Amino acid sequence: MMRGHVDTLTTGGFAEGWAFDSAEPDRILTVRLFGPEEEELALGLAHLYRADLAEARYRHGWCAFRLRLSRDPAGLSGQRLSLREAESGNELHASADLPLRERPALDLCASVEAVISQDPTVLRNLQHLCGCGDLLAGFVARHGAAEFVRTAHAYVLARTADGASQARYERMLRGGAVTPFGLLLLLAETEEFRAQPRLLASPADPGFVFAG
């Protein structure tokens, strides 16, 4: 079942909220926001991370959106706005009483770091996978503990696991000494990763290795 909600409009010119399909939790929804005269105000993907959505178990926490509005948000106060899933046109949420919050637009041209910080396909904190327990466990169920260990090493450390590490982490996974997410954290806490940290793909990336 598809669900969604527009939480707020911002003075920086965005609509913020969330949307996901509980029947297809790995699917990223494209949403549209319409005004009272069926004017399309915004279009975009619901694929950003929010900790509160991870706690609510809404698509692993990766189903928030921040859509650029085509009109001044101050002029939309009191008007009925409709959030719809783009492909089907199904209405997910409608409201004429959305709050307008003070939140300036970001200057994405300020630096490379600013651009990267706004890229939803890149993880800035491995803890943002904390809501992906079911997704990671599903990978283990489909492919086995050995393949998860191999994939985890390639994902975090960009290399294959040595024989001793492979065997040790397989035993830990099979014995329940560590969860799949816990194994990713262990690899990220190694001196090897700390000495040469790297950007990791997020569940918003269509090629996210644990989704297959």
C-alpha atoms as a PDB file:
ATOM      1  CA  MET A   1       0.000   0.000   0.000  1.00  0.00           C
ATOM      2  CA  MET A   2       1.342   3.422  -0.938  1.00  0.00           C
ATOM      3  CA  ARG A   3       1.483   5.995   1.840  1.00  0.00           C
ATOM      4  CA  GLY A   4       2.704   9.558   1.992  1.00  0.00           C
ATOM      5  CA  HIS A   5       2.491  12.860   3.802  1.00  0.00           C
ATOM      6  CA  VAL A   6       3.464  16.484   3.210  1.00  0.00           C
ATOM      7  CA  ASP A   7       4.870  17.695   6.513  1.00  0.00           C
ATOM      8  CA  THR A   8       5.684  21.307   5.784  1.00  0.00           C
ATOM      9  CA  LEU A   9       6.426  24.046   3.274  1.00  0.00           C
ATOM     10  CA  THR A  10       9.618  26.021   3.824  1.00  0.00           C
ATOM     11  CA  THR A  11      10.534  29.644   3.263  1.00  0.00           C
ATOM     12  CA  GLY A  12      13.411  28.406   1.109  1.00  0.00           C
ATOM     13  CA  GLY A  13      10.865  27.251  -1.471  1.00  0.00           C
ATOM     14  CA  PHE A  14      10.461  23.535  -0.774  1.00  0.00           C
ATOM     15  CA  ALA A  15       7.789  21.025   0.216  1.00  0.00           C
ATOM     16  CA  GLU A  16       9.017  18.378   2.646  1.00  0.00           C
ATOM     17  CA  GLY A  17       7.499  15.051   3.629  1.00  0.00           C
ATOM     18  CA  TRP A  18       7.681  11.343   2.928  1.00  0.00           C
ATOM     19  CA  ALA A  19       6.202   8.604   0.712  1.00  0.00           C
ATOM     20  CA  PHE A  20       6.721   4.859   0.254  1.00  0.00           C
ATOM     21  CA  ASP A  21       5.013   1.663  -0.867  1.00  0.00           C
ATOM     22  CA  SER A  22       4.753  -0.888   1.936  1.00  0.00           C
ATOM     23  CA  ALA A  23       4.004  -3.612  -0.634  1.00  0.00           C
ATOM     24  CA  GLU A  24       7.279  -2.856  -2.468  1.00  0.00           C
ATOM     25  CA  PRO A  25       9.589  -1.398   0.203  1.00  0.00           C
ATOM     26  CA  ASP A  26      12.644  -1.380  -2.052  1.00  0.00           C
ATOM     27  CA  ARG A  27      10.868   0.758  -4.653  1.00  0.00           C
ATOM     28  CA  ILE A  28      11.560   4.509  -4.677  1.00  0.00           C
ATOM     29  CA  LEU A  29       8.394   6.506  -5.315  1.00  0.00           C
ATOM     30  CA  THR A  30       8.220   9.526  -7.586  1.00  0.00           C
ATOM     31  CA  VAL A  31       5.699  12.037  -6.245  1.00  0.00           C
ATOM     32  CA  ARG A  32       3.954  15.158  -7.532  1.00  0.00           C
ATOM     33  CA  LEU A  33       2.436  18.017  -5.565  1.00  0.00           C
ATOM     34  CA  PHE A  34      -0.615  19.772  -7.006  1.00  0.00           C
ATOM     35  CA  GLY A  35      -2.380  23.003  -6.076  1.00  0.00           C
ATOM     36  CA  PRO A  36      -6.152  23.615  -5.849  1.00  0.00           C
ATOM     37  CA  GLU A  37      -6.486  24.341  -9.572  1.00  0.00           C
ATOM     38  CA  GLU A  38      -4.617  21.157 -10.547  1.00  0.00           C
ATOM     39  CA  GLU A  39      -1.461  23.181 -11.074  1.00  0.00           C
ATOM     40  CA  GLU A  40       1.631  21.011 -10.666  1.00  0.00           C
ATOM     41  CA  LEU A  41       3.776  22.639  -8.007  1.00  0.00           C
ATOM     42  CA  ALA A  42       6.582  20.091  -7.584  1.00  0.00           C
ATOM     43  CA  LEU A  43       7.914  16.752  -8.791  1.00  0.00           C
ATOM     44  CA  GLY A  44      10.636  14.543  -7.361  1.00  0.00           C
ATOM     45  CA  LEU A  45      11.804  11.355  -5.675  1.00  0.00           C
ATOM     46  CA  ALA A  46      11.074  10.253  -2.127  1.00  0.00           C
ATOM     47  CA  HIS A  47      14.561   8.880  -1.450  1.00  0.00           C
ATOM     48  CA  LEU A  48      16.146  10.967   1.316  1.00  0.00           C
ATOM     49  CA  TYR A  49      17.062   9.671   4.789  1.00  0.00           C
ATOM     50  CA  ARG A  50      15.323  10.721   8.011  1.00  0.00           C
ATOM     51  CA  ALA A  51      16.003   9.149  11.396  1.00  0.00           C
ATOM     52  CA  ASP A  52      12.364   9.374  12.503  1.00  0.00           C
ATOM     53  CA  LEU A  53      11.269   7.430   9.426  1.00  0.00           C
ATOM     54  CA  ALA A  54      13.870   4.737  10.195  1.00  0.00           C
ATOM     55  CA  GLU A  55      12.440   4.467  13.718  1.00  0.00           C
ATOM     56  CA  ALA A  56       8.935   4.156  12.257  1.00  0.00           C
ATOM     57  CA  ARG A  57      10.246   1.452   9.876  1.00  0.00           C
ATOM     58  CA  TYR A  58       9.153   3.376   6.810  1.00  0.00           C
ATOM     59  CA  ARG A  59      11.241   2.077   3.871  1.00  0.00           C
ATOM     60  CA  HIS A  60      14.356   1.682   6.019  1.00  0.00           C
ATOM     61  CA  GLY A  61      14.211   5.458   6.723  1.00  0.00           C
ATOM     62  CA  TRP A  62      14.971   6.300   3.069  1.00  0.00           C
ATOM     63  CA  CYS A  63      11.654   7.708   1.850  1.00  0.00           C
ATOM     64  CA  ALA A  64      11.710  11.427   2.644  1.00  0.00           C
ATOM     65  CA  PHE A  65      11.421  14.095  -0.034  1.00  0.00           C
ATOM     66  CA  ARG A  66      12.381  17.737  -0.405  1.00  0.00           C
ATOM     67  CA  LEU A  67      10.712  19.093  -3.525  1.00  0.00           C
ATOM     68  CA  ARG A  68      11.448  22.458  -5.113  1.00  0.00           C
ATOM     69  CA  LEU A  69       8.182  24.435  -5.449  1.00  0.00           C
ATOM     70  CA  SER A  70       7.329  26.305  -8.640  1.00  0.00           C
ATOM     71  CA  ARG A  71       5.541  29.014  -6.617  1.00  0.00           C
ATOM     72  CA  ASP A  72       6.287  31.131  -3.573  1.00  0.00           C
ATOM     73  CA  PRO A  73       5.246  28.951  -0.604  1.00  0.00           C
ATOM     74  CA  ALA A  74       3.868  31.963   1.257  1.00  0.00           C
ATOM     75  CA  GLY A  75       1.202  32.278  -1.436  1.00  0.00           C
ATOM     76  CA  LEU A  76       0.068  28.681  -0.893  1.00  0.00           C
ATOM     77  CA  SER A  77      -1.062  29.217   2.699  1.00  0.00           C
ATOM     78  CA  GLY A  78      -4.611  27.975   3.234  1.00  0.00           C
ATOM     79  CA  GLN A  79      -4.840  26.324  -0.175  1.00  0.00           C
ATOM     80  CA  ARG A  80      -5.581  22.628  -0.587  1.00  0.00           C
ATOM     81  CA  LEU A  81      -2.447  20.834  -1.782  1.00  0.00           C
ATOM     82  CA  SER A  82      -2.501  17.246  -3.038  1.00  0.00           C
ATOM     83  CA  LEU A  83       0.422  14.801  -2.931  1.00  0.00           C
ATOM     84  CA  ARG A  84       0.170  12.032  -5.529  1.00  0.00           C
ATOM     85  CA  GLU A  85       2.239   9.101  -6.677  1.00  0.00           C
ATOM     86  CA  ALA A  86       3.441  10.101 -10.125  1.00  0.00           C
ATOM     87  CA  GLU A  87       2.922   6.860 -12.058  1.00  0.00           C
ATOM     88  CA  SER A  88      -0.562   5.931 -10.853  1.00  0.00           C
ATOM     89  CA  GLY A  89      -1.849   9.385  -9.906  1.00  0.00           C
ATOM     90  CA  ASN A  90      -3.074   7.992  -6.582  1.00  0.00           C
ATOM     91  CA  GLU A  91      -3.515  10.682  -3.948  1.00  0.00           C
ATOM     92  CA  LEU A  92      -1.364   9.989  -0.893  1.00  0.00           C
ATOM     93  CA  HIS A  93      -2.146  13.076   1.183  1.00  0.00           C
ATOM     94  CA  ALA A  94      -4.079  16.333   0.913  1.00  0.00           C
ATOM     95  CA  SER A  95      -4.168  19.313   3.243  1.00  0.00           C
ATOM     96  CA  ALA A  96      -5.125  22.982   3.297  1.00  0.00           C
ATOM     97  CA  ASP A  97      -3.353  23.614   6.583  1.00  0.00           C
ATOM     98  CA  LEU A  98       0.351  22.981   5.977  1.00  0.00           C
ATOM     99  CA  PRO A  99       2.786  24.871   8.214  1.00  0.00           C
ATOM    100  CA  LEU A 100       5.340  27.256   6.688  1.00  0.00           C
ATOM    101  CA  ARG A 101       8.690  26.860   8.406  1.00  0.00           C
ATOM    102  CA  GLU A 102      11.701  29.139   8.323  1.00  0.00           C
ATOM    103  CA  ARG A 103      14.294  27.176   6.420  1.00  0.00           C
ATOM    104  CA  PRO A 104      16.556  28.994   3.939  1.00  0.00           C
ATOM    105  CA  ALA A 105      17.520  27.503   0.608  1.00  0.00           C
ATOM    106  CA  LEU A 106      20.951  25.872   0.525  1.00  0.00           C
ATOM    107  CA  ASP A 107      23.705  27.282  -1.646  1.00  0.00           C
ATOM    108  CA  LEU A 108      24.822  24.097  -3.373  1.00  0.00           C
ATOM    109  CA  CYS A 109      27.471  25.966  -5.328  1.00  0.00           C
ATOM    110  CA  ALA A 110      29.365  26.962  -2.187  1.00  0.00           C
ATOM    111  CA  SER A 111      31.648  23.931  -2.249  1.00  0.00           C
ATOM    112  CA  VAL A 112      32.085  20.373  -3.450  1.00  0.00           C
ATOM    113  CA  GLU A 113      31.302  19.250   0.116  1.00  0.00           C
ATOM    114  CA  ALA A 114      27.948  21.042  -0.044  1.00  0.00           C
ATOM    115  CA  VAL A 115      27.049  19.265  -3.260  1.00  0.00           C
ATOM    116  CA  ILE A 116      28.041  15.855  -1.856  1.00  0.00           C
ATOM    117  CA  SER A 117      26.104  16.505   1.345  1.00  0.00           C
ATOM    118  CA  GLN A 118      22.922  16.851  -0.698  1.00  0.00           C
ATOM    119  CA  ASP A 119      23.451  13.711  -2.791  1.00  0.00           C
ATOM    120  CA  PRO A 120      20.957  11.116  -1.468  1.00  0.00           C
ATOM    121  CA  THR A 121      22.760   8.242  -3.209  1.00  0.00           C
ATOM    122  CA  VAL A 122      25.797   8.687  -0.932  1.00  0.00           C
ATOM    123  CA  LEU A 123      26.006   7.800   2.762  1.00  0.00           C
ATOM    124  CA  ARG A 124      27.486  10.388   5.079  1.00  0.00           C
ATOM    125  CA  ASN A 125      27.031   8.202   8.160  1.00  0.00           C
ATOM    126  CA  LEU A 126      26.827   4.398   8.233  1.00  0.00           C
ATOM    127  CA  GLN A 127      24.283   4.727  11.053  1.00  0.00           C
ATOM    128  CA  HIS A 128      21.859   5.812   8.333  1.00  0.00           C
ATOM    129  CA  LEU A 129      21.589   2.112   7.514  1.00  0.00           C
ATOM    130  CA  CYS A 130      20.266   1.335  11.003  1.00  0.00           C
ATOM    131  CA  GLY A 131      16.725   0.980   9.640  1.00  0.00           C
ATOM    132  CA  CYS A 132      17.849  -1.495   6.970  1.00  0.00           C
ATOM    133  CA  GLY A 133      17.985  -4.542   9.252  1.00  0.00           C
ATOM    134  CA  ASP A 134      15.242  -6.391   7.353  1.00  0.00           C
ATOM    135  CA  LEU A 135      16.803  -5.496   4.003  1.00  0.00           C
ATOM    136  CA  LEU A 136      20.225  -6.805   5.067  1.00  0.00           C
ATOM    137  CA  ALA A 137      18.739  -9.918   6.672  1.00  0.00           C
ATOM    138  CA  GLY A 138      16.851 -10.560   3.447  1.00  0.00           C
ATOM    139  CA  PHE A 139      20.134 -10.493   1.541  1.00  0.00           C
ATOM    140  CA  VAL A 140      21.566 -13.112   3.931  1.00  0.00           C
ATOM    141  CA  ALA A 141      18.438 -15.264   3.552  1.00  0.00           C
ATOM    142  CA  ARG A 142      18.644 -15.129  -0.242  1.00  0.00           C
ATOM    143  CA  HIS A 143      22.398 -15.436  -0.753  1.00  0.00           C
ATOM    144  CA  GLY A 144      23.805 -16.891   2.472  1.00  0.00           C
ATOM    145  CA  ALA A 145      26.203 -15.680   5.169  1.00  0.00           C
ATOM    146  CA  ALA A 146      29.329 -16.285   3.080  1.00  0.00           C
ATOM    147  CA  GLU A 147      28.110 -14.066   0.248  1.00  0.00           C
ATOM    148  CA  PHE A 148      27.054 -11.345   2.691  1.00  0.00           C
ATOM    149  CA  VAL A 149      30.553 -11.285   4.201  1.00  0.00           C
ATOM    150  CA  ARG A 150      32.116 -11.048   0.743  1.00  0.00           C
ATOM    151  CA  THR A 151      29.717  -8.293  -0.321  1.00  0.00           C
ATOM    152  CA  ALA A 152      30.184  -6.388   2.957  1.00  0.00           C
ATOM    153  CA  HIS A 153      33.959  -6.343   2.494  1.00  0.00           C
ATOM    154  CA  ALA A 154      33.637  -5.099  -1.062  1.00  0.00           C
ATOM    155  CA  TYR A 155      31.096  -2.464   0.015  1.00  0.00           C
ATOM    156  CA  VAL A 156      32.958  -1.053   3.021  1.00  0.00           C
ATOM    157  CA  LEU A 157      36.630  -1.860   2.322  1.00  0.00           C
ATOM    158  CA  ALA A 158      36.601  -2.168  -1.483  1.00  0.00           C
ATOM    159  CA  ARG A 159      38.422  -5.496  -1.379  1.00  0.00           C
ATOM    160  CA  THR A 160      37.822  -9.202  -0.924  1.00  0.00           C
ATOM    161  CA  ALA A 161      37.951 -10.693   2.548  1.00  0.00           C
ATOM    162  CA  ASP A 162      41.020 -12.695   3.536  1.00  0.00           C
ATOM    163  CA  GLY A 163      40.395 -16.309   4.488  1.00  0.00           C
ATOM    164  CA  ALA A 164      40.580 -15.810   8.257  1.00  0.00           C
ATOM    165  CA  SER A 165      38.234 -12.811   8.251  1.00  0.00           C
ATOM    166  CA  GLN A 166      35.792 -14.553   5.938  1.00  0.00           C
ATOM    167  CA  ALA A 167      35.576 -17.607   8.187  1.00  0.00           C
ATOM    168  CA  ARG A 168      35.377 -15.573  11.432  1.00  0.00           C
ATOM    169  CA  TYR A 169      32.593 -13.259  10.240  1.00  0.00           C
ATOM    170  CA  GLU A 170      30.632 -16.153   8.750  1.00  0.00           C
ATOM    171  CA  ARG A 171      30.691 -17.913  12.137  1.00  0.00           C
ATOM    172  CA  MET A 172      29.601 -14.721  13.890  1.00  0.00           C
ATOM    173  CA  LEU A 173      26.688 -14.194  11.511  1.00  0.00           C
ATOM    174  CA  ARG A 174      25.496 -17.787  11.618  1.00  0.00           C
ATOM    175  CA  GLY A 175      25.816 -17.936  15.408  1.00  0.00           C
ATOM    176  CA  GLY A 176      23.975 -14.672  15.955  1.00  0.00           C
ATOM    177  CA  ALA A 177      26.989 -13.001  17.559  1.00  0.00           C
ATOM    178  CA  VAL A 178      26.573 -10.103  15.152  1.00  0.00           C
ATOM    179  CA  THR A 179      23.745  -8.840  12.954  1.00  0.00           C
ATOM    180  CA  PRO A 180      24.316  -8.017   9.285  1.00  0.00           C
ATOM    181  CA  PHE A 181      24.178  -4.314  10.130  1.00  0.00           C
ATOM    182  CA  GLY A 182      26.528  -4.915  13.057  1.00  0.00           C
ATOM    183  CA  LEU A 183      29.016  -6.533  10.689  1.00  0.00           C
ATOM    184  CA  LEU A 184      29.010  -3.430   8.480  1.00  0.00           C
ATOM    185  CA  LEU A 185      29.722  -1.322  11.564  1.00  0.00           C
ATOM    186  CA  LEU A 186      32.600  -3.607  12.564  1.00  0.00           C
ATOM    187  CA  LEU A 187      34.192  -3.199   9.153  1.00  0.00           C
ATOM    188  CA  ALA A 188      33.709   0.578   9.256  1.00  0.00           C
ATOM    189  CA  GLU A 189      35.401   0.709  12.668  1.00  0.00           C
ATOM    190  CA  THR A 190      38.562  -1.037  11.468  1.00  0.00           C
ATOM    191  CA  GLU A 191      41.815   0.881  11.223  1.00  0.00           C
ATOM    192  CA  GLU A 192      41.831   0.075   7.522  1.00  0.00           C
ATOM    193  CA  PHE A 193      38.613   1.983   6.882  1.00  0.00           C
ATOM    194  CA  ARG A 194      39.444   4.821   9.268  1.00  0.00           C
ATOM    195  CA  ALA A 195      42.795   5.327   7.563  1.00  0.00           C
ATOM    196  CA  GLN A 196      41.153   5.619   4.169  1.00  0.00           C
ATOM    197  CA  PRO A 197      37.422   6.334   4.500  1.00  0.00           C
ATOM    198  CA  ARG A 198      35.375   6.290   1.322  1.00  0.00           C
ATOM    199  CA  LEU A 199      31.934   7.323   0.177  1.00  0.00           C
ATOM    200  CA  LEU A 200      29.427   4.458   0.329  1.00  0.00           C
ATOM    201  CA  ALA A 201      26.320   3.996  -1.788  1.00  0.00           C
ATOM    202  CA  SER A 202      23.010   4.482   0.013  1.00  0.00           C
ATOM    203  CA  PRO A 203      19.687   2.632  -0.431  1.00  0.00           C
ATOM    204  CA  ALA A 204      18.670   5.567  -2.657  1.00  0.00           C
ATOM    205  CA  ASP A 205      21.224   4.367  -5.214  1.00  0.00           C
ATOM    206  CA  PRO A 206      19.560   2.018  -7.738  1.00  0.00           C
ATOM    207  CA  GLY A 207      22.726  -0.092  -7.618  1.00  0.00           C
ATOM    208  CA  PHE A 208      22.725  -0.532  -3.813  1.00  0.00           C
ATOM    209  CA  VAL A 209      24.384  -3.933  -3.494  1.00  0.00           C
ATOM    210  CA  PHE A 210      22.227  -5.321  -0.676  1.00  0.00           C
ATOM    211  CA  ALA A 211      18.938  -4.705  -2.453  1.00  0.00           C
ATOM    212  CA  GLY A 212      19.478  -7.569  -4.902  1.00  0.00           C
END
